[in-house]
PDB file of all heavy atoms in Angstrom:
ATOM      1  N   GLN A   1       7.001  12.840   5.456  1.00  0.00           N
ATOM      2  CA  GLN A   1       8.421  13.129   5.364  1.00  0.00           C
ATOM      3  C   GLN A   1       9.172  12.104   6.205  1.00  0.00           C
ATOM      4  O   GLN A   1       8.931  12.002   7.414  1.00  0.00           O
ATOM      5  CB  GLN A   1       8.716  14.541   5.859  1.00  0.00           C
ATOM      6  CG  GLN A   1      10.193  14.911   5.862  1.00  0.00           C
ATOM      7  CD  GLN A   1      10.769  14.991   4.473  1.00  0.00           C
ATOM      8  OE1 GLN A   1      10.150  15.529   3.562  1.00  0.00           O
ATOM      9  NE2 GLN A   1      11.975  14.456   4.290  1.00  0.00           N
ATOM     10  N   MET A   2      10.066  11.374   5.561  1.00  0.00           N
ATOM     11  CA  MET A   2      10.783  10.294   6.239  1.00  0.00           C
ATOM     12  C   MET A   2      12.271  10.621   6.260  1.00  0.00           C
ATOM     13  O   MET A   2      12.900  10.714   5.197  1.00  0.00           O
ATOM     14  CB  MET A   2      10.527   8.966   5.522  1.00  0.00           C
ATOM     15  CG  MET A   2       9.053   8.627   5.382  1.00  0.00           C
ATOM     16  SD  MET A   2       8.776   6.990   4.690  1.00  0.00           S
ATOM     17  CE  MET A   2       9.454   7.208   3.042  1.00  0.00           C
ATOM     18  N   ASN A   3      12.810  10.802   7.446  1.00  0.00           N
ATOM     19  CA  ASN A   3      14.230  11.092   7.617  1.00  0.00           C
ATOM     20  C   ASN A   3      14.900   9.961   8.379  1.00  0.00           C
ATOM     21  O   ASN A   3      14.231   9.149   9.020  1.00  0.00           O
ATOM     22  CB  ASN A   3      14.413  12.407   8.374  1.00  0.00           C
ATOM     23  CG  ASN A   3      13.819  13.595   7.648  1.00  0.00           C
ATOM     24  OD1 ASN A   3      13.769  13.635   6.413  1.00  0.00           O
ATOM     25  ND2 ASN A   3      13.360  14.585   8.395  1.00  0.00           N
ATOM     26  N   SER A   4      16.219   9.947   8.325  1.00  0.00           N
ATOM     27  CA  SER A   4      17.005   8.931   9.046  1.00  0.00           C
ATOM     28  C   SER A   4      16.466   7.530   8.780  1.00  0.00           C
ATOM     29  O   SER A   4      16.260   6.736   9.707  1.00  0.00           O
ATOM     30  CB  SER A   4      16.995   9.236  10.557  1.00  0.00           C
ATOM     31  OG  SER A   4      17.503  10.518  10.816  1.00  0.00           O
ATOM     32  N   LEU A   5      16.260   7.241   7.529  1.00  0.00           N
ATOM     33  CA  LEU A   5      15.658   5.953   7.161  1.00  0.00           C
ATOM     34  C   LEU A   5      16.561   4.791   7.516  1.00  0.00           C
ATOM     35  O   LEU A   5      17.801   4.892   7.453  1.00  0.00           O
ATOM     36  CB  LEU A   5      15.330   5.944   5.678  1.00  0.00           C
ATOM     37  CG  LEU A   5      14.060   6.720   5.316  1.00  0.00           C
ATOM     38  CD1 LEU A   5      14.040   7.076   3.837  1.00  0.00           C
ATOM     39  CD2 LEU A   5      12.832   5.919   5.688  1.00  0.00           C
ATOM     40  N   LYS A   6      15.920   3.696   7.881  1.00  0.00           N
ATOM     41  CA  LYS A   6      16.613   2.471   8.271  1.00  0.00           C
ATOM     42  C   LYS A   6      16.183   1.327   7.349  1.00  0.00           C
ATOM     43  O   LYS A   6      15.084   1.367   6.791  1.00  0.00           O
ATOM     44  CB  LYS A   6      16.251   2.109   9.716  1.00  0.00           C
ATOM     45  CG  LYS A   6      16.511   3.201  10.736  1.00  0.00           C
ATOM     46  CD  LYS A   6      16.014   2.784  12.105  1.00  0.00           C
ATOM     47  CE  LYS A   6      16.246   3.871  13.147  1.00  0.00           C
ATOM     48  NZ  LYS A   6      15.745   3.471  14.489  1.00  0.00           N
ATOM     49  N   PRO A   7      16.994   0.308   7.212  1.00  0.00           N
ATOM     50  CA  PRO A   7      16.591  -0.831   6.367  1.00  0.00           C
ATOM     51  C   PRO A   7      15.255  -1.434   6.803  1.00  0.00           C
ATOM     52  O   PRO A   7      14.486  -1.894   5.944  1.00  0.00           O
ATOM     53  CB  PRO A   7      17.745  -1.816   6.572  1.00  0.00           C
ATOM     54  CG  PRO A   7      18.934  -0.949   6.831  1.00  0.00           C
ATOM     55  CD  PRO A   7      18.411   0.185   7.650  1.00  0.00           C
ATOM     56  N   GLU A   8      14.956  -1.385   8.088  1.00  0.00           N
ATOM     57  CA  GLU A   8      13.688  -1.946   8.554  1.00  0.00           C
ATOM     58  C   GLU A   8      12.480  -1.098   8.181  1.00  0.00           C
ATOM     59  O   GLU A   8      11.336  -1.500   8.411  1.00  0.00           O
ATOM     60  CB  GLU A   8      13.711  -2.165  10.078  1.00  0.00           C
ATOM     61  CG  GLU A   8      14.162  -0.967  10.883  1.00  0.00           C
ATOM     62  CD  GLU A   8      15.639  -1.018  11.237  1.00  0.00           C
ATOM     63  OE1 GLU A   8      16.457  -1.371  10.354  1.00  0.00           O
ATOM     64  OE2 GLU A   8      15.976  -0.697  12.398  1.00  0.00           O
ATOM     65  N   ASP A   9      12.707   0.067   7.586  1.00  0.00           N
ATOM     66  CA  ASP A   9      11.603   0.870   7.063  1.00  0.00           C
ATOM     67  C   ASP A   9      11.181   0.407   5.670  1.00  0.00           C
ATOM     68  O   ASP A   9      10.182   0.904   5.129  1.00  0.00           O
ATOM     69  CB  ASP A   9      12.005   2.342   6.990  1.00  0.00           C
ATOM     70  CG  ASP A   9      12.240   2.965   8.357  1.00  0.00           C
ATOM     71  OD1 ASP A   9      11.455   2.681   9.280  1.00  0.00           O
ATOM     72  OD2 ASP A   9      13.213   3.744   8.498  1.00  0.00           O
ATOM     73  N   THR A  10      11.916  -0.518   5.093  1.00  0.00           N
ATOM     74  CA  THR A  10      11.584  -1.032   3.767  1.00  0.00           C
ATOM     75  C   THR A  10      10.208  -1.687   3.777  1.00  0.00           C
ATOM     76  O   THR A  10       9.937  -2.580   4.586  1.00  0.00           O
ATOM     77  CB  THR A  10      12.645  -2.043   3.309  1.00  0.00           C
ATOM     78  OG1 THR A  10      13.898  -1.365   3.142  1.00  0.00           O
ATOM     79  CG2 THR A  10      12.239  -2.688   1.990  1.00  0.00           C
ATOM     80  N   ALA A  11       9.332  -1.225   2.883  1.00  0.00           N
ATOM     81  CA  ALA A  11       7.958  -1.719   2.829  1.00  0.00           C
ATOM     82  C   ALA A  11       7.229  -1.024   1.687  1.00  0.00           C
ATOM     83  O   ALA A  11       7.734  -0.060   1.104  1.00  0.00           O
ATOM     84  CB  ALA A  11       7.228  -1.448   4.148  1.00  0.00           C
ATOM     85  N   VAL A  12       6.036  -1.505   1.418  1.00  0.00           N
ATOM     86  CA  VAL A  12       5.103  -0.754   0.577  1.00  0.00           C
ATOM     87  C   VAL A  12       4.302   0.160   1.504  1.00  0.00           C
ATOM     88  O   VAL A  12       3.749  -0.312   2.506  1.00  0.00           O
ATOM     89  CB  VAL A  12       4.157  -1.689  -0.205  1.00  0.00           C
ATOM     90  CG1 VAL A  12       3.160  -0.860  -1.012  1.00  0.00           C
ATOM     91  CG2 VAL A  12       4.954  -2.608  -1.121  1.00  0.00           C
ATOM     92  N   TYR A  13       4.270   1.427   1.169  1.00  0.00           N
ATOM     93  CA  TYR A  13       3.590   2.416   1.989  1.00  0.00           C
ATOM     94  C   TYR A  13       2.257   2.791   1.339  1.00  0.00           C
ATOM     95  O   TYR A  13       2.200   3.071   0.138  1.00  0.00           O
ATOM     96  CB  TYR A  13       4.459   3.657   2.157  1.00  0.00           C
ATOM     97  CG  TYR A  13       5.570   3.454   3.157  1.00  0.00           C
ATOM     98  CD1 TYR A  13       6.650   2.630   2.873  1.00  0.00           C
ATOM     99  CD2 TYR A  13       5.531   4.069   4.414  1.00  0.00           C
ATOM    100  CE1 TYR A  13       7.660   2.419   3.801  1.00  0.00           C
ATOM    101  CE2 TYR A  13       6.541   3.866   5.339  1.00  0.00           C
ATOM    102  CZ  TYR A  13       7.591   3.037   5.027  1.00  0.00           C
ATOM    103  OH  TYR A  13       8.588   2.833   5.956  1.00  0.00           O
ATOM    104  N   TYR A  14       1.221   2.784   2.176  1.00  0.00           N
ATOM    105  CA  TYR A  14      -0.130   3.082   1.714  1.00  0.00           C
ATOM    106  C   TYR A  14      -0.684   4.288   2.471  1.00  0.00           C
ATOM    107  O   TYR A  14      -0.506   4.387   3.694  1.00  0.00           O
ATOM    108  CB  TYR A  14      -1.071   1.911   1.978  1.00  0.00           C
ATOM    109  CG  TYR A  14      -0.687   0.624   1.296  1.00  0.00           C
ATOM    110  CD1 TYR A  14       0.164  -0.279   1.917  1.00  0.00           C
ATOM    111  CD2 TYR A  14      -1.191   0.307   0.041  1.00  0.00           C
ATOM    112  CE1 TYR A  14       0.514  -1.474   1.307  1.00  0.00           C
ATOM    113  CE2 TYR A  14      -0.849  -0.884  -0.582  1.00  0.00           C
ATOM    114  CZ  TYR A  14       0.002  -1.762   0.055  1.00  0.00           C
ATOM    115  OH  TYR A  14       0.343  -2.940  -0.553  1.00  0.00           O
ATOM    116  N   CYS A  15      -1.381   5.160   1.767  1.00  0.00           N
ATOM    117  CA  CYS A  15      -2.157   6.172   2.469  1.00  0.00           C
ATOM    118  C   CYS A  15      -3.611   5.698   2.503  1.00  0.00           C
ATOM    119  O   CYS A  15      -4.047   4.897   1.677  1.00  0.00           O
ATOM    120  CB  CYS A  15      -2.040   7.546   1.824  1.00  0.00           C
ATOM    121  SG  CYS A  15      -2.834   7.716   0.229  1.00  0.00           S
ATOM    122  N   ALA A  16      -4.331   6.206   3.492  1.00  0.00           N
ATOM    123  CA  ALA A  16      -5.706   5.778   3.686  1.00  0.00           C
ATOM    124  C   ALA A  16      -6.519   6.919   4.272  1.00  0.00           C
ATOM    125  O   ALA A  16      -5.991   7.758   5.009  1.00  0.00           O
ATOM    126  CB  ALA A  16      -5.761   4.563   4.609  1.00  0.00           C
ATOM    127  N   ALA A  17      -7.821   6.912   3.968  1.00  0.00           N
ATOM    128  CA  ALA A  17      -8.733   7.938   4.458  1.00  0.00           C
ATOM    129  C   ALA A  17      -9.661   7.353   5.523  1.00  0.00           C
ATOM    130  O   ALA A  17     -10.187   6.239   5.361  1.00  0.00           O
ATOM    131  CB  ALA A  17      -9.548   8.503   3.303  1.00  0.00           C
ATOM    132  N   ASP A  18      -9.840   8.104   6.590  1.00  0.00           N
ATOM    133  CA  ASP A  18     -10.710   7.709   7.695  1.00  0.00           C
ATOM    134  C   ASP A  18     -12.137   7.495   7.202  1.00  0.00           C
ATOM    135  O   ASP A  18     -12.604   8.197   6.302  1.00  0.00           O
ATOM    136  CB  ASP A  18     -10.672   8.823   8.741  1.00  0.00           C
ATOM    137  CG  ASP A  18     -11.214   8.418  10.100  1.00  0.00           C
ATOM    138  OD1 ASP A  18     -11.969   7.432  10.191  1.00  0.00           O
ATOM    139  OD2 ASP A  18     -10.880   9.094  11.074  1.00  0.00           O
ATOM    140  N   LYS A  19     -12.851   6.558   7.789  1.00  0.00           N
ATOM    141  CA  LYS A  19     -14.235   6.306   7.400  1.00  0.00           C
ATOM    142  C   LYS A  19     -15.208   7.269   8.072  1.00  0.00           C
ATOM    143  O   LYS A  19     -16.355   7.383   7.661  1.00  0.00           O
ATOM    144  CB  LYS A  19     -14.619   4.870   7.740  1.00  0.00           C
ATOM    145  CG  LYS A  19     -14.615   4.542   9.223  1.00  0.00           C
ATOM    146  CD  LYS A  19     -15.165   3.148   9.514  1.00  0.00           C
ATOM    147  CE  LYS A  19     -14.355   2.047   8.916  1.00  0.00           C
ATOM    148  NZ  LYS A  19     -14.814   0.695   9.360  1.00  0.00           N
ATOM    149  N   VAL A  20     -14.734   7.987   9.109  1.00  0.00           N
ATOM    150  CA  VAL A  20     -15.587   8.895   9.880  1.00  0.00           C
ATOM    151  C   VAL A  20     -15.105  10.320   9.671  1.00  0.00           C
ATOM    152  O   VAL A  20     -13.919  10.612   9.809  1.00  0.00           O
ATOM    153  CB  VAL A  20     -15.552   8.546  11.369  1.00  0.00           C
ATOM    154  CG1 VAL A  20     -16.345   9.560  12.190  1.00  0.00           C
ATOM    155  CG2 VAL A  20     -16.082   7.136  11.602  1.00  0.00           C
ATOM    156  N   SER A  21     -16.044  11.219   9.358  1.00  0.00           N
ATOM    157  CA  SER A  21     -15.666  12.614   9.157  1.00  0.00           C
ATOM    158  C   SER A  21     -15.519  13.344  10.486  1.00  0.00           C
ATOM    159  O   SER A  21     -16.178  12.998  11.473  1.00  0.00           O
ATOM    160  CB  SER A  21     -16.707  13.325   8.287  1.00  0.00           C
ATOM    161  OG  SER A  21     -17.978  13.319   8.915  1.00  0.00           O
ATOM    162  N   PHE A  22     -14.644  14.321  10.489  1.00  0.00           N
ATOM    163  CA  PHE A  22     -14.440  15.207  11.637  1.00  0.00           C
ATOM    164  C   PHE A  22     -14.176  14.443  12.945  1.00  0.00           C
ATOM    165  O   PHE A  22     -14.603  14.878  14.028  1.00  0.00           O
ATOM    166  CB  PHE A  22     -15.635  16.144  11.824  1.00  0.00           C
ATOM    167  CG  PHE A  22     -15.925  16.997  10.620  1.00  0.00           C
ATOM    168  CD1 PHE A  22     -17.143  16.897   9.966  1.00  0.00           C
ATOM    169  CD2 PHE A  22     -14.989  17.891  10.119  1.00  0.00           C
ATOM    170  CE1 PHE A  22     -17.421  17.675   8.846  1.00  0.00           C
ATOM    171  CE2 PHE A  22     -15.250  18.669   9.008  1.00  0.00           C
ATOM    172  CZ  PHE A  22     -16.478  18.563   8.370  1.00  0.00           C
ATOM    173  N   ARG A  23     -13.456  13.346  12.848  1.00  0.00           N
ATOM    174  CA  ARG A  23     -13.148  12.565  14.055  1.00  0.00           C
ATOM    175  C   ARG A  23     -12.290  13.416  14.983  1.00  0.00           C
ATOM    176  O   ARG A  23     -11.302  14.028  14.547  1.00  0.00           O
ATOM    177  CB  ARG A  23     -12.438  11.272  13.695  1.00  0.00           C
ATOM    178  CG  ARG A  23     -12.416  10.269  14.841  1.00  0.00           C
ATOM    179  CD  ARG A  23     -11.507   9.111  14.519  1.00  0.00           C
ATOM    180  NE  ARG A  23     -11.940   8.274  13.426  1.00  0.00           N
ATOM    181  CZ  ARG A  23     -12.617   7.129  13.573  1.00  0.00           C
ATOM    182  NH1 ARG A  23     -12.957   6.727  14.779  1.00  0.00           N
ATOM    183  NH2 ARG A  23     -12.924   6.401  12.511  1.00  0.00           N
ATOM    184  N   ALA A  24     -12.607  13.390  16.281  1.00  0.00           N
ATOM    185  CA  ALA A  24     -11.908  14.255  17.233  1.00  0.00           C
ATOM    186  C   ALA A  24     -10.491  13.763  17.523  1.00  0.00           C
ATOM    187  O   ALA A  24      -9.582  14.572  17.782  1.00  0.00           O
ATOM    188  CB  ALA A  24     -12.693  14.361  18.530  1.00  0.00           C
ATOM    189  N   VAL A  25     -10.312  12.443  17.491  1.00  0.00           N
ATOM    190  CA  VAL A  25      -9.006  11.859  17.805  1.00  0.00           C
ATOM    191  C   VAL A  25      -8.604  10.947  16.651  1.00  0.00           C
ATOM    192  O   VAL A  25      -9.390  10.097  16.238  1.00  0.00           O
ATOM    193  CB  VAL A  25      -9.051  11.051  19.116  1.00  0.00           C
ATOM    194  CG1 VAL A  25      -7.696  10.435  19.414  1.00  0.00           C
ATOM    195  CG2 VAL A  25      -9.497  11.942  20.269  1.00  0.00           C
ATOM    196  N   VAL A  26      -7.401  11.106  16.149  1.00  0.00           N
ATOM    197  CA  VAL A  26      -6.982  10.282  15.018  1.00  0.00           C
ATOM    198  C   VAL A  26      -6.895   8.820  15.427  1.00  0.00           C
ATOM    199  O   VAL A  26      -6.563   8.493  16.562  1.00  0.00           O
ATOM    200  CB  VAL A  26      -5.632  10.749  14.447  1.00  0.00           C
ATOM    201  CG1 VAL A  26      -5.767  12.114  13.819  1.00  0.00           C
ATOM    202  CG2 VAL A  26      -4.552  10.749  15.508  1.00  0.00           C
ATOM    203  N   ALA A  27      -7.202   7.950  14.489  1.00  0.00           N
ATOM    204  CA  ALA A  27      -7.224   6.517  14.743  1.00  0.00           C
ATOM    205  C   ALA A  27      -5.977   5.854  14.178  1.00  0.00           C
ATOM    206  O   ALA A  27      -5.480   6.244  13.121  1.00  0.00           O
ATOM    207  CB  ALA A  27      -8.472   5.902  14.115  1.00  0.00           C
ATOM    208  N   ALA A  28      -5.497   4.843  14.895  1.00  0.00           N
ATOM    209  CA  ALA A  28      -4.346   4.073  14.437  1.00  0.00           C
ATOM    210  C   ALA A  28      -4.746   2.701  13.907  1.00  0.00           C
ATOM    211  O   ALA A  28      -3.931   2.020  13.284  1.00  0.00           O
ATOM    212  CB  ALA A  28      -3.337   3.910  15.568  1.00  0.00           C
ATOM    213  N   ASP A  29      -5.973   2.313  14.127  1.00  0.00           N
ATOM    214  CA  ASP A  29      -6.466   1.006  13.705  1.00  0.00           C
ATOM    215  C   ASP A  29      -6.832   1.058  12.230  1.00  0.00           C
ATOM    216  O   ASP A  29      -7.664   1.870  11.820  1.00  0.00           O
ATOM    217  CB  ASP A  29      -7.689   0.642  14.539  1.00  0.00           C
ATOM    218  CG  ASP A  29      -8.171  -0.774  14.281  1.00  0.00           C
ATOM    219  OD1 ASP A  29      -7.740  -1.387  13.286  1.00  0.00           O
ATOM    220  OD2 ASP A  29      -8.994  -1.259  15.074  1.00  0.00           O
TER     221      ASP A  29
END
């Protein structure tokens, strides 16, 4: 959910699935 959008938010947005199951801490890499 994206609110208060700004011109700098312009991009192609991709979703992705983690390679590790049940990871305790979400990854940003």
